[in-house]
């Protein structure tokens, strides 16, 4: 099993922002991609809007390009020299 770490939590007004990092090894099918047994480290940000102490809206952004590059499904970009 992998690990998840909360890197930051920021709250202002009716919104809470959480930045997370997940790490593990790709041992099972993921989005139709068979296991590669490669290590992965993926970051993401979630923004929550609260009303009356309950979550009423949620937005999530995950670095899927970075994840797919780590799995070898998408080639890493070459920097211009």
Protein backbone atom coordinates (compact mmCIF):
# COMPACT_ATOMS: atom_id res chain seq x y z
CA UNK A 1 0.00 0.00 0.00
CA UNK A 2 1.03 3.55 -0.63
CA UNK A 3 1.11 6.57 1.62
CA UNK A 4 -0.65 9.90 1.49
CA UNK A 5 0.68 13.06 3.10
CA UNK A 6 -1.09 16.36 3.67
CA UNK A 7 1.43 19.02 2.71
CA UNK A 8 -0.71 22.11 3.37
CA UNK A 9 -4.15 23.05 4.61
CA UNK A 10 -5.25 26.65 4.13
CA UNK A 11 -8.65 28.00 5.14
CA UNK A 12 -10.17 31.37 4.35
CA UNK A 13 -13.81 32.37 4.48
CA UNK A 14 -15.94 29.45 3.27
CA UNK A 15 -13.09 27.65 1.44
CA UNK A 16 -10.44 25.14 2.49
CA UNK A 17 -7.49 24.21 0.26
CA UNK A 18 -5.63 20.94 0.82
CA UNK A 19 -2.38 20.07 -0.99
CA UNK A 20 -1.45 16.38 -0.87
CA UNK A 21 1.25 13.98 -2.04
CA UNK A 22 0.67 10.28 -2.60
CA UNK A 23 3.46 7.73 -3.03
CA UNK A 24 3.44 4.05 -3.81
CA UNK A 25 4.19 1.35 -6.34
CA UNK A 26 1.95 0.72 -9.35
CA UNK A 27 0.98 -2.88 -8.55
CA UNK A 28 -2.58 -2.98 -9.89
CA UNK A 29 -4.46 -1.80 -12.96
CA UNK A 30 -4.81 2.00 -12.99
CA UNK A 31 -7.04 3.71 -15.58
CA UNK A 32 -6.72 0.61 -17.78
CA UNK A 33 -2.90 0.56 -17.48
CA UNK A 34 -1.61 -2.85 -16.38
CA UNK A 35 0.77 -2.94 -13.38
CA UNK A 36 4.27 -1.63 -14.13
CA UNK A 37 5.71 -2.15 -10.62
CA UNK A 38 7.22 1.34 -10.95
CA UNK A 39 7.31 3.73 -7.99
CA UNK A 40 4.97 6.71 -8.26
CA UNK A 41 4.74 10.06 -6.52
CA UNK A 42 1.66 12.12 -7.40
CA UNK A 43 0.62 15.54 -6.12
CA UNK A 44 -2.81 17.12 -6.02
CA UNK A 45 -4.82 20.05 -4.73
CA UNK A 46 -8.41 19.98 -3.50
CA UNK A 47 -10.51 23.07 -2.85
CA UNK A 48 -13.59 22.63 -0.70
CA UNK A 49 -16.43 25.10 -0.20
CA UNK A 50 -18.28 24.72 3.08
CA UNK A 51 -21.78 25.78 4.05
CA UNK A 52 -23.25 25.11 7.48
CA UNK A 53 -20.23 22.95 8.37
CA UNK A 54 -20.74 20.67 5.36
CA UNK A 55 -18.90 20.35 2.06
CA UNK A 56 -21.18 21.69 -0.68
CA UNK A 57 -18.67 21.99 -3.53
CA UNK A 58 -15.34 20.35 -4.32
CA UNK A 59 -12.70 20.90 -7.00
CA UNK A 60 -9.77 18.51 -7.46
CA UNK A 61 -6.64 18.84 -9.57
CA UNK A 62 -4.16 15.94 -9.81
CA UNK A 63 -0.87 15.83 -11.72
CA UNK A 64 -1.99 13.05 -14.06
CA UNK A 65 0.62 13.94 -16.70
CA UNK A 66 3.37 13.43 -14.13
CA UNK A 67 1.79 10.13 -13.04
CA UNK A 68 1.56 8.83 -16.62
CA UNK A 69 5.17 9.89 -17.28
CA UNK A 70 6.34 7.99 -14.19
CA UNK A 71 4.53 4.89 -15.43
CA UNK A 72 6.21 5.21 -18.83
CA UNK A 73 2.89 5.64 -20.65
CA UNK A 74 3.65 9.21 -21.76
CA UNK A 75 7.23 10.21 -22.63
CA UNK A 76 8.86 12.90 -20.52
CA UNK A 77 9.14 16.20 -22.36
CA UNK A 78 12.51 17.27 -23.70
CA UNK A 79 13.63 20.76 -22.66
CA UNK A 80 14.72 23.14 -25.42
CA UNK A 81 18.44 23.79 -25.46
